[in-house]
């Protein structure tokens, strides 16, 4: 993006994408934990440990996160290729836009680290789910 617009524009796009991704991750997982509060409490009453509760509630979302990462990567590449093809078609000297495998690897590692840290954080929230939540309703 730096070659096509400016460094400032690249950082703006990066920041907006990062904020939207983190907020959607945090909002979705907090709703999953809140929506399954009764299930978590019942599992703990029945003797399941915290790891089993976390794996049951949050573990099912790992494959969907991987699929989302793949689809998002393909979507971003196709969108940028389309924009460069049509928007910059009148420009004489357009830098070549090719897929950068090293950046993909760095992004994948960063995604896995952030996603797993978020899962650990929500596992602690599951651990703190009170057993009284089942008794009150």
Protein backbone atom coordinates (compact mmCIF):
# COMPACT_ATOMS: atom_id res chain seq x y z
CA UNK A 1 0.00 0.00 0.00
CA UNK A 2 2.92 2.33 0.63
CA UNK A 3 3.88 2.19 -3.07
CA UNK A 4 0.30 2.99 -4.16
CA UNK A 5 -0.75 5.69 -1.72
CA UNK A 6 1.34 6.76 1.24
CA UNK A 7 2.72 5.42 4.47
CA UNK A 8 0.06 7.31 6.41
CA UNK A 9 -2.73 5.70 4.38
CA UNK A 10 -1.22 2.26 4.94
CA UNK A 11 -1.09 2.82 8.71
CA UNK A 12 -4.67 4.14 8.74
CA UNK A 13 -5.91 1.03 6.92
CA UNK A 14 -3.87 -1.23 9.19
CA UNK A 15 -5.15 0.45 12.36
CA UNK A 16 -8.80 0.43 11.29
CA UNK A 17 -8.60 -3.25 10.31
CA UNK A 18 -6.89 -4.20 13.56
CA UNK A 19 -9.40 -2.33 15.72
CA UNK A 20 -12.38 -3.84 13.90
CA UNK A 21 -10.93 -7.35 14.10
CA UNK A 22 -10.14 -7.13 17.82
CA UNK A 23 -13.50 -5.59 18.71
CA UNK A 24 -15.44 -8.21 16.78
CA UNK A 25 -13.40 -10.98 18.42
CA UNK A 26 -13.92 -9.58 21.93
CA UNK A 27 -17.63 -8.88 21.42
CA UNK A 28 -18.38 -12.28 19.94
CA UNK A 29 -16.51 -14.27 22.58
CA UNK A 30 -17.96 -12.24 25.44
CA UNK A 31 -21.47 -12.95 24.11
CA UNK A 32 -20.65 -16.65 23.79
CA UNK A 33 -19.48 -16.81 27.39
CA UNK A 34 -22.41 -14.75 28.66
CA UNK A 35 -24.92 -16.76 26.62
CA UNK A 36 -23.56 -20.05 27.97
CA UNK A 37 -23.37 -19.03 31.62
CA UNK A 38 -26.02 -21.59 32.62
CA UNK A 39 -24.32 -24.33 30.64
CA UNK A 40 -20.97 -23.52 32.23
CA UNK A 41 -22.46 -23.50 35.71
CA UNK A 42 -24.25 -26.81 35.12
CA UNK A 43 -21.07 -28.40 33.78
CA UNK A 44 -19.18 -27.28 36.86
CA UNK A 45 -21.95 -28.61 39.13
CA UNK A 46 -21.74 -31.97 37.34
CA UNK A 47 -18.01 -32.14 38.04
CA UNK A 48 -16.34 -30.96 34.86
CA UNK A 49 -13.11 -29.08 35.42
CA UNK A 50 -12.44 -25.60 34.07
CA UNK A 51 -10.40 -26.89 31.13
CA UNK A 52 -13.24 -29.11 29.95
CA UNK A 53 -15.70 -26.23 30.27
CA UNK A 54 -13.45 -23.91 28.28
CA UNK A 55 -12.79 -26.49 25.57
CA UNK A 56 -16.49 -27.25 25.24
CA UNK A 57 -17.64 -23.64 25.05
CA UNK A 58 -14.72 -21.97 23.24
CA UNK A 59 -12.92 -24.81 21.50
CA UNK A 60 -15.56 -25.22 18.83
CA UNK A 61 -14.75 -21.77 17.45
CA UNK A 62 -11.10 -22.50 16.57
CA UNK A 63 -11.85 -24.09 13.16
CA UNK A 64 -14.17 -21.22 12.29
CA UNK A 65 -11.46 -18.72 13.21
CA UNK A 66 -9.02 -20.50 10.88
CA UNK A 67 -11.56 -20.55 8.05
CA UNK A 68 -12.25 -16.86 8.69
CA UNK A 69 -8.54 -16.08 8.49
CA UNK A 70 -8.22 -17.91 5.18
CA UNK A 71 -11.33 -16.30 3.68
CA UNK A 72 -10.27 -12.86 4.93
CA UNK A 73 -6.81 -13.26 3.40
CA UNK A 74 -8.21 -14.32 0.04
CA UNK A 75 -10.80 -11.53 0.14
CA UNK A 76 -8.19 -8.88 0.92
CA UNK A 77 -5.87 -10.08 -1.85
CA UNK A 78 -8.69 -10.22 -4.42
CA UNK A 79 -10.01 -6.81 -3.39
CA UNK A 80 -6.61 -5.13 -3.62
CA UNK A 81 -5.88 -6.82 -6.95
CA UNK A 82 -9.27 -5.64 -8.26
CA UNK A 83 -8.70 -2.08 -7.04
CA UNK A 84 -5.26 -1.93 -8.61
CA UNK A 85 -6.57 -3.33 -11.88
CA UNK A 86 -9.51 -0.95 -12.25
CA UNK A 87 -8.71 2.16 -10.21
CA UNK A 88 -5.09 2.49 -11.29
CA UNK A 89 -5.66 1.36 -14.88
CA UNK A 90 -5.09 4.91 -16.22
CA UNK A 91 -1.84 5.37 -14.33
CA UNK A 92 1.23 4.62 -16.43
CA UNK A 93 3.65 3.31 -13.82
CA UNK A 94 1.83 1.18 -11.27
CA UNK A 95 3.95 -0.94 -8.95
CA UNK A 96 3.31 -4.66 -9.18
CA UNK A 97 1.13 -6.07 -6.44
CA UNK A 98 2.05 -9.65 -5.63
CA UNK A 99 1.19 -11.89 -2.75
CA UNK A 100 3.74 -11.63 0.06
CA UNK A 101 4.20 -15.03 1.70
CA UNK A 102 6.50 -13.73 4.44
CA UNK A 103 3.93 -11.16 5.57
CA UNK A 104 1.27 -13.89 5.49
CA UNK A 105 3.40 -16.06 7.78
CA UNK A 106 4.02 -13.16 10.18
CA UNK A 107 0.31 -12.31 10.19
CA UNK A 108 -0.66 -15.94 10.76
CA UNK A 109 1.68 -16.25 13.74
CA UNK A 110 0.40 -12.95 15.18
CA UNK A 111 -3.21 -14.07 14.64
CA UNK A 112 -2.62 -17.38 16.41
CA UNK A 113 -0.92 -15.67 19.36
CA UNK A 114 -3.63 -13.02 19.76
CA UNK A 115 -6.44 -15.56 19.31
CA UNK A 116 -5.01 -18.01 21.84
CA UNK A 117 -4.34 -15.23 24.38
CA UNK A 118 -7.95 -14.12 23.95
CA UNK A 119 -9.10 -17.70 24.51
CA UNK A 120 -7.01 -17.87 27.70
CA UNK A 121 -8.58 -14.61 28.91
CA UNK A 122 -12.08 -15.92 28.29
CA UNK A 123 -11.18 -19.23 29.93
CA UNK A 124 -10.45 -17.22 33.08
CA UNK A 125 -13.84 -15.56 32.71
CA UNK A 126 -15.45 -19.00 32.42
CA UNK A 127 -13.64 -20.06 35.58
CA UNK A 128 -15.15 -17.08 37.42
CA UNK A 129 -18.71 -17.84 36.29
CA UNK A 130 -20.73 -18.08 39.50
CA UNK A 131 -22.69 -21.24 40.25
CA UNK A 132 -25.52 -19.07 41.53
CA UNK A 133 -26.44 -18.14 37.97
CA UNK A 134 -28.26 -21.48 37.62
CA UNK A 135 -29.99 -21.25 40.99
CA UNK A 136 -31.48 -17.79 40.44
CA UNK A 137 -33.52 -18.80 37.38
